[in-house]
C-alpha atoms as a PDB file:
ATOM      1  CA  MET A   1      -0.147  -0.332   0.148  1.00  0.00           C
ATOM      2  CA  ALA A   2       1.282   3.201  -1.029  1.00  0.00           C
ATOM      3  CA  THR A   3       2.512   5.280   2.126  1.00  0.00           C
ATOM      4  CA  GLY A   4       0.743   8.382   3.666  1.00  0.00           C
ATOM      5  CA  GLU A   5       2.819  10.546   1.985  1.00  0.00           C
ATOM      6  CA  GLU A   6       2.760   9.336  -1.540  1.00  0.00           C
ATOM      7  CA  ILE A   7      -1.235   9.001  -0.621  1.00  0.00           C
ATOM      8  CA  ARG A   8      -0.900  13.481   0.073  1.00  0.00           C
ATOM      9  CA  THR A   9       1.124  14.001  -3.140  1.00  0.00           C
ATOM     10  CA  VAL A  10      -1.337  12.265  -5.405  1.00  0.00           C
ATOM     11  CA  TYR A  11      -4.104  13.725  -3.941  1.00  0.00           C
ATOM     12  CA  VAL A  12      -2.581  17.072  -4.158  1.00  0.00           C
ATOM     13  CA  ALA A  13      -2.150  16.752  -7.382  1.00  0.00           C
ATOM     14  CA  LEU A  14      -6.066  15.685  -8.409  1.00  0.00           C
ATOM     15  CA  LYS A  15      -6.967  18.995  -6.953  1.00  0.00           C
ATOM     16  CA  THR A  16      -4.730  20.927  -9.276  1.00  0.00           C
ATOM     17  CA  ILE A  17      -5.681  18.867 -12.396  1.00  0.00           C
ATOM     18  CA  CYS A  18      -9.558  18.880 -11.441  1.00  0.00           C
ATOM     19  CA  THR A  19      -9.179  22.678 -10.627  1.00  0.00           C
ATOM     20  CA  GLU A  20      -7.170  23.816 -13.556  1.00  0.00           C
ATOM     21  CA  ALA A  21      -9.735  21.278 -15.829  1.00  0.00           C
ATOM     22  CA  SER A  22     -12.647  23.411 -14.083  1.00  0.00           C
ATOM     23  CA  GLN A  23     -10.691  26.613 -15.195  1.00  0.00           C
ATOM     24  CA  MET A  24     -10.075  25.538 -18.990  1.00  0.00           C
ATOM     25  CA  LEU A  25     -13.731  24.451 -19.084  1.00  0.00           C
ATOM     26  CA  SER A  26     -15.390  27.727 -17.746  1.00  0.00           C
ATOM     27  CA  THR A  27     -13.579  29.757 -19.988  1.00  0.00           C
ATOM     28  CA  LEU A  28     -14.315  27.438 -23.064  1.00  0.00           C
ATOM     29  CA  GLN A  29     -18.204  28.143 -22.103  1.00  0.00           C
ATOM     30  CA  GLY A  30     -17.976  32.059 -21.991  1.00  0.00           C
ATOM     31  CA  GLU A  31     -16.181  32.176 -25.177  1.00  0.00           C
ATOM     32  CA  MET A  32     -18.759  29.324 -27.103  1.00  0.00           C
ATOM     33  CA  SER A  33     -21.769  31.843 -25.274  1.00  0.00           C
ATOM     34  CA  ARG A  34     -20.028  35.467 -26.661  1.00  0.00           C
ATOM     35  CA  LYS A  35     -20.225  33.200 -30.079  1.00  0.00           C
ATOM     36  CA  GLY A  36     -23.603  32.371 -29.908  1.00  0.00           C
ATOM     37  CA  PHE A  37     -23.869  28.451 -28.611  1.00  0.00           C
ATOM     38  CA  LYS A  38     -25.192  26.537 -25.283  1.00  0.00           C
ATOM     39  CA  CYS A  39     -23.792  24.488 -23.252  1.00  0.00           C
ATOM     40  CA  LEU A  40     -26.306  22.144 -23.320  1.00  0.00           C
ATOM     41  CA  ASN A  41     -25.065  20.309 -19.554  1.00  0.00           C
ATOM     42  CA  THR A  42     -23.600  23.639 -17.627  1.00  0.00           C
ATOM     43  CA  GLY A  43     -24.571  21.435 -14.028  1.00  0.00           C
ATOM     44  CA  GLY A  44     -22.378  18.663 -14.868  1.00  0.00           C
ATOM     45  CA  VAL A  45     -19.413  17.754 -16.511  1.00  0.00           C
ATOM     46  CA  LEU A  46     -18.582  14.834 -15.415  1.00  0.00           C
ATOM     47  CA  TRP A  47     -19.226  11.352 -17.247  1.00  0.00           C
ATOM     48  CA  ASP A  48     -19.729   7.613 -15.917  1.00  0.00           C
ATOM     49  CA  THR A  49     -18.824   7.733 -12.727  1.00  0.00           C
ATOM     50  CA  SER A  50     -20.065   6.060  -9.924  1.00  0.00           C
ATOM     51  CA  GLU A  51     -20.111   5.767  -5.802  1.00  0.00           C
ATOM     52  CA  ASP A  52     -20.085   2.020  -5.654  1.00  0.00           C
ATOM     53  CA  VAL A  53     -17.304   0.691  -2.597  1.00  0.00           C
ATOM     54  CA  GLY A  54     -16.920  -2.476  -5.006  1.00  0.00           C
ATOM     55  CA  ASN A  55     -16.252  -0.183  -8.113  1.00  0.00           C
ATOM     56  CA  PRO A  56     -13.104   2.044  -7.333  1.00  0.00           C
ATOM     57  CA  ILE A  57     -12.449   2.634 -11.144  1.00  0.00           C
ATOM     58  CA  TYR A  58     -15.183   4.489 -11.639  1.00  0.00           C
ATOM     59  CA  TRP A  59     -14.869   6.702  -8.891  1.00  0.00           C
ATOM     60  CA  LEU A  60     -12.540   9.127 -10.674  1.00  0.00           C
ATOM     61  CA  PRO A  61     -14.172  10.501 -14.434  1.00  0.00           C
ATOM     62  CA  TYR A  62     -12.396   8.879 -17.166  1.00  0.00           C
ATOM     63  CA  PHE A  63     -13.223  12.166 -19.241  1.00  0.00           C
ATOM     64  CA  LEU A  64     -14.851  15.470 -18.694  1.00  0.00           C
ATOM     65  CA  GLN A  65     -17.547  16.597 -21.830  1.00  0.00           C
ATOM     66  CA  MET A  66     -19.182  20.432 -22.796  1.00  0.00           C
ATOM     67  CA  VAL A  67     -21.918  19.786 -25.745  1.00  0.00           C
ATOM     68  CA  PHE A  68     -22.622  22.835 -27.179  1.00  0.00           C
ATOM     69  CA  VAL A  69     -25.623  23.766 -29.853  1.00  0.00           C
ATOM     70  CA  SER A  70     -26.677  27.269 -31.414  1.00  0.00           C
ATOM     71  CA  GLY A  71     -30.091  28.363 -32.184  1.00  0.00           C
ATOM     72  CA  ASP A  72     -33.284  26.394 -30.914  1.00  0.00           C
ATOM     73  CA  VAL A  73     -31.718  23.457 -28.535  1.00  0.00           C
ATOM     74  CA  SER A  74     -35.320  21.699 -29.754  1.00  0.00           C
ATOM     75  CA  ARG A  75     -34.437  21.600 -33.286  1.00  0.00           C
ATOM     76  CA  ALA A  76     -30.493  21.240 -33.330  1.00  0.00           C
ATOM     77  CA  THR A  77     -29.649  18.323 -34.755  1.00  0.00           C
ATOM     78  CA  ARG A  78     -25.781  19.328 -35.079  1.00  0.00           C
ATOM     79  CA  ALA A  79     -23.529  19.949 -31.646  1.00  0.00           C
ATOM     80  CA  ILE A  80     -19.925  20.963 -30.769  1.00  0.00           C
ATOM     81  CA  GLY A  81     -18.532  18.428 -28.180  1.00  0.00           C
ATOM     82  CA  VAL A  82     -14.799  18.849 -26.574  1.00  0.00           C
ATOM     83  CA  GLN A  83     -14.239  16.460 -24.278  1.00  0.00           C
ATOM     84  CA  ILE A  84     -10.605  15.706 -21.681  1.00  0.00           C
ATOM     85  CA  LEU A  85      -9.925  12.536 -21.943  1.00  0.00           C
ATOM     86  CA  PHE A  86      -8.207  10.923 -18.789  1.00  0.00           C
ATOM     87  CA  ASP A  87      -7.739   7.290 -19.244  1.00  0.00           C
ATOM     88  CA  ASP A  88     -10.470   4.277 -19.979  1.00  0.00           C
ATOM     89  CA  PRO A  89     -11.815   2.351 -16.975  1.00  0.00           C
ATOM     90  CA  ASN A  90     -12.068  -1.124 -18.931  1.00  0.00           C
ATOM     91  CA  GLY A  91      -8.860  -0.531 -20.398  1.00  0.00           C
ATOM     92  CA  ARG A  92     -10.053  -0.463 -23.877  1.00  0.00           C
ATOM     93  CA  ILE A  93      -7.033   1.973 -24.937  1.00  0.00           C
ATOM     94  CA  ASP A  94      -4.285   3.492 -22.882  1.00  0.00           C
ATOM     95  CA  LEU A  95      -3.780   6.770 -22.876  1.00  0.00           C
ATOM     96  CA  LEU A  96       0.061   7.779 -22.746  1.00  0.00           C
ATOM     97  CA  PHE A  97      -1.549  11.490 -21.200  1.00  0.00           C
ATOM     98  CA  PRO A  98      -4.244  13.718 -20.803  1.00  0.00           C
ATOM     99  CA  VAL A  99      -5.775  14.683 -24.344  1.00  0.00           C
ATOM    100  CA  VAL A 100      -8.651  17.032 -25.785  1.00  0.00           C
ATOM    101  CA  LEU A 101     -11.004  15.800 -28.015  1.00  0.00           C
ATOM    102  CA  CYS A 102     -12.398  18.151 -29.853  1.00  0.00           C
ATOM    103  CA  GLY A 103     -15.213  18.130 -33.138  1.00  0.00           C
ATOM    104  CA  VAL A 104     -19.072  18.176 -34.181  1.00  0.00           C
ATOM    105  CA  MET A 105     -21.454  15.358 -34.052  1.00  0.00           C
ATOM    106  CA  ASP A 106     -24.445  15.176 -35.803  1.00  0.00           C
ATOM    107  CA  TRP A 107     -27.613  13.370 -34.893  1.00  0.00           C
ATOM    108  CA  SER A 108     -29.661  11.058 -35.859  1.00  0.00           C
ATOM    109  CA  ALA A 109     -33.219  12.000 -37.661  1.00  0.00           C
ATOM    110  CA  ASP A 110     -35.296  11.071 -34.353  1.00  0.00           C
ATOM    111  CA  HIS A 111     -32.563  12.543 -31.359  1.00  0.00           C
ATOM    112  CA  ARG A 112     -31.654  15.765 -30.452  1.00  0.00           C
ATOM    113  CA  PRO A 113     -28.258  16.711 -29.244  1.00  0.00           C
ATOM    114  CA  ALA A 114     -27.024  15.630 -25.024  1.00  0.00           C
ATOM    115  CA  GLY A 115     -24.228  14.891 -23.455  1.00  0.00           C
ATOM    116  CA  SER A 116     -23.349  10.789 -24.418  1.00  0.00           C
ATOM    117  CA  ASN A 117     -20.450   8.533 -24.707  1.00  0.00           C
ATOM    118  CA  ASN A 118     -21.216   8.623 -28.920  1.00  0.00           C
ATOM    119  CA  PHE A 119     -18.493  11.525 -29.198  1.00  0.00           C
ATOM    120  CA  TYR A 120     -16.107   9.364 -26.439  1.00  0.00           C
ATOM    121  CA  ASP A 121     -16.210   6.308 -28.794  1.00  0.00           C
ATOM    122  CA  LEU A 122     -14.077   8.598 -31.901  1.00  0.00           C
ATOM    123  CA  CYS A 123     -11.615   7.774 -29.254  1.00  0.00           C
ATOM    124  CA  LEU A 124     -11.811   4.419 -28.666  1.00  0.00           C
ATOM    125  CA  LYS A 125     -11.377   3.622 -32.295  1.00  0.00           C
ATOM    126  CA  ALA A 126      -9.560   5.907 -33.696  1.00  0.00           C
ATOM    127  CA  ASN A 127      -7.046   3.461 -34.657  1.00  0.00           C
ATOM    128  CA  ASP A 128      -9.365   1.121 -36.363  1.00  0.00           C
ATOM    129  CA  ARG A 129      -9.676   1.791 -39.962  1.00  0.00           C
ATOM    130  CA  VAL A 130     -12.383  -0.153 -40.734  1.00  0.00           C
ATOM    131  CA  GLU A 131     -15.030   2.264 -38.387  1.00  0.00           C
ATOM    132  CA  THR A 132     -13.112   5.437 -38.716  1.00  0.00           C
ATOM    133  CA  GLU A 133     -12.254   7.629 -41.380  1.00  0.00           C
ATOM    134  CA  PRO A 134      -8.935   9.544 -41.037  1.00  0.00           C
ATOM    135  CA  ASP A 135      -8.879  12.844 -42.734  1.00  0.00           C
ATOM    136  CA  PRO A 136      -5.942  14.701 -41.070  1.00  0.00           C
ATOM    137  CA  PRO A 137      -5.934  16.184 -38.701  1.00  0.00           C
ATOM    138  CA  PHE A 138      -9.142  14.827 -38.248  1.00  0.00           C
ATOM    139  CA  PHE A 139     -10.866  10.980 -38.188  1.00  0.00           C
ATOM    140  CA  ARG A 140     -14.746  10.833 -38.884  1.00  0.00           C
ATOM    141  CA  ARG A 141     -16.882   8.257 -37.409  1.00  0.00           C
ATOM    142  CA  ARG A 142     -19.961   6.549 -38.624  1.00  0.00           C
ATOM    143  CA  PHE A 143     -22.609   5.334 -36.390  1.00  0.00           C
ATOM    144  CA  ALA A 144     -25.106   2.562 -36.433  1.00  0.00           C
ATOM    145  CA  ASP A 145     -29.146   3.398 -36.830  1.00  0.00           C
ATOM    146  CA  SER A 146     -29.530   2.117 -33.082  1.00  0.00           C
ATOM    147  CA  TRP A 147     -27.017   5.127 -32.032  1.00  0.00           C
ATOM    148  CA  ASP A 148     -27.954   8.579 -31.306  1.00  0.00           C
ATOM    149  CA  CYS A 149     -25.557   9.948 -33.107  1.00  0.00           C
ATOM    150  CA  ARG A 150     -25.210   9.663 -36.395  1.00  0.00           C
ATOM    151  CA  GLU A 151     -21.795  10.763 -37.594  1.00  0.00           C
ATOM    152  CA  ALA A 152     -18.713  12.794 -35.525  1.00  0.00           C
ATOM    153  CA  ILE A 153     -15.577  14.453 -36.183  1.00  0.00           C
ATOM    154  CA  GLY A 154     -13.488  15.142 -34.296  1.00  0.00           C
ATOM    155  CA  TYR A 155      -9.508  16.255 -33.890  1.00  0.00           C
ATOM    156  CA  PHE A 156      -6.661  15.898 -30.662  1.00  0.00           C
ATOM    157  CA  LEU A 157      -4.809  18.283 -28.959  1.00  0.00           C
ATOM    158  CA  ARG A 158      -2.124  17.962 -26.109  1.00  0.00           C
ATOM    159  CA  LEU A 159      -4.359  19.137 -22.559  1.00  0.00           C
ATOM    160  CA  VAL A 160      -1.273  21.182 -21.775  1.00  0.00           C
ATOM    161  CA  ALA A 161      -1.745  23.181 -25.552  1.00  0.00           C
ATOM    162  CA  LEU A 162      -4.396  24.856 -24.353  1.00  0.00           C
ATOM    163  CA  GLU A 163      -2.003  27.488 -21.912  1.00  0.00           C
ATOM    164  CA  ASP A 164      -4.018  30.340 -21.944  1.00  0.00           C
ATOM    165  CA  ARG A 165      -7.816  31.488 -22.890  1.00  0.00           C
ATOM    166  CA  THR A 166      -5.944  32.784 -26.453  1.00  0.00           C
ATOM    167  CA  LYS A 167      -4.983  29.173 -26.864  1.00  0.00           C
ATOM    168  CA  LEU A 168      -8.313  27.506 -26.600  1.00  0.00           C
ATOM    169  CA  ILE A 169     -10.113  30.232 -28.946  1.00  0.00           C
ATOM    170  CA  GLU A 170      -7.479  29.406 -31.825  1.00  0.00           C
ATOM    171  CA  LEU A 171      -7.351  25.852 -31.239  1.00  0.00           C
ATOM    172  CA  VAL A 172     -10.677  24.906 -29.754  1.00  0.00           C
ATOM    173  CA  VAL A 173     -13.372  27.676 -30.436  1.00  0.00           C
ATOM    174  CA  ASN A 174     -12.835  29.161 -33.901  1.00  0.00           C
ATOM    175  CA  PRO A 175     -12.097  25.924 -35.009  1.00  0.00           C
ATOM    176  CA  CYS A 176     -15.014  23.946 -34.042  1.00  0.00           C
ATOM    177  CA  ILE A 177     -16.868  26.162 -35.000  1.00  0.00           C
ATOM    178  CA  ASP A 178     -15.469  26.619 -38.398  1.00  0.00           C
ATOM    179  CA  LEU A 179     -16.507  22.420 -38.301  1.00  0.00           C
ATOM    180  CA  PHE A 180     -19.604  23.452 -37.482  1.00  0.00           C
ATOM    181  CA  ASN A 181     -20.494  25.738 -40.134  1.00  0.00           C
ATOM    182  CA  ARG A 182     -18.767  23.178 -42.703  1.00  0.00           C
ATOM    183  CA  LYS A 183     -15.957  25.199 -43.499  1.00  0.00           C
ATOM    184  CA  VAL A 184     -13.724  22.337 -42.972  1.00  0.00           C
ATOM    185  CA  ASP A 185     -10.914  24.020 -44.773  1.00  0.00           C
ATOM    186  CA  PHE A 186     -10.512  26.590 -42.270  1.00  0.00           C
ATOM    187  CA  ALA A 187     -10.578  24.600 -39.291  1.00  0.00           C
ATOM    188  CA  ARG A 188      -7.838  22.374 -40.850  1.00  0.00           C
ATOM    189  CA  SER A 189      -5.443  25.735 -41.410  1.00  0.00           C
ATOM    190  CA  ALA A 190      -6.218  26.273 -37.594  1.00  0.00           C
ATOM    191  CA  ILE A 191      -4.773  23.287 -36.496  1.00  0.00           C
ATOM    192  CA  THR A 192      -2.221  21.686 -38.689  1.00  0.00           C
ATOM    193  CA  GLY A 193       1.050  21.357 -36.916  1.00  0.00           C
ATOM    194  CA  CYS A 194      -0.978  21.366 -33.387  1.00  0.00           C
ATOM    195  CA  SER A 195      -3.650  18.218 -33.715  1.00  0.00           C
ATOM    196  CA  LEU A 196      -2.345  14.773 -32.489  1.00  0.00           C
ATOM    197  CA  THR A 197      -2.422  11.388 -34.576  1.00  0.00           C
ATOM    198  CA  PRO A 198      -3.403   8.001 -32.452  1.00  0.00           C
ATOM    199  CA  HIS A 199       0.071   6.676 -32.715  1.00  0.00           C
ATOM    200  CA  GLU A 200       0.955   9.472 -30.383  1.00  0.00           C
ATOM    201  CA  PHE A 201      -1.312   9.304 -27.650  1.00  0.00           C
ATOM    202  CA  LEU A 202      -2.575   5.795 -27.252  1.00  0.00           C
ATOM    203  CA  GLY A 203      -0.106   3.016 -26.158  1.00  0.00           C
ATOM    204  CA  GLU A 204       0.513  -0.045 -27.972  1.00  0.00           C
ATOM    205  CA  SER A 205      -2.389  -1.916 -26.203  1.00  0.00           C
ATOM    206  CA  SER A 206      -4.488  -0.090 -27.276  1.00  0.00           C
ATOM    207  CA  SER A 207      -7.612  -1.830 -29.021  1.00  0.00           C
ATOM    208  CA  GLY A 208      -8.681  -0.862 -32.393  1.00  0.00           C
END
């Protein structure tokens, strides 16, 4: 078992990570609001956590998520998604370091944008050339009819690359809005040289 000092060091680091992630997501929400986008999940950004004493791998979030729509939420079929990815509790992928997944999701006809793990699946299948189509620096994923999300396009960044508000706007806000407006070449130009390929952030044990 880890010593008390080791546990304390890890706990302090966890608090720092949570504080910095909170500041980043709060800044993101403010900038997206100024651009006319509403965040659907203002009440919480955690996904798939557990309070079960027998399920400790889910005590900590393995990703944080915000989903943004423009205009009337009840009529929206397209949304911007931003996720901070830390780990996968089931070992399906091995993240070498925290990454940020940014992009756009198109919803199926019978569904409306909401927080879900559909976008996360783009990361799970990033190395799968059957289910994911590389369009550097983007990755596209089309989902089965049974999924609420029909299609997603996204790109990956190092979390540490978003060191301030300027970088957040340059690498996340503006490119995502360009993707949302189907200005793919504008978005591509903005992130070329800054985005990551799967082999840069996924360990050898990752599936796909």
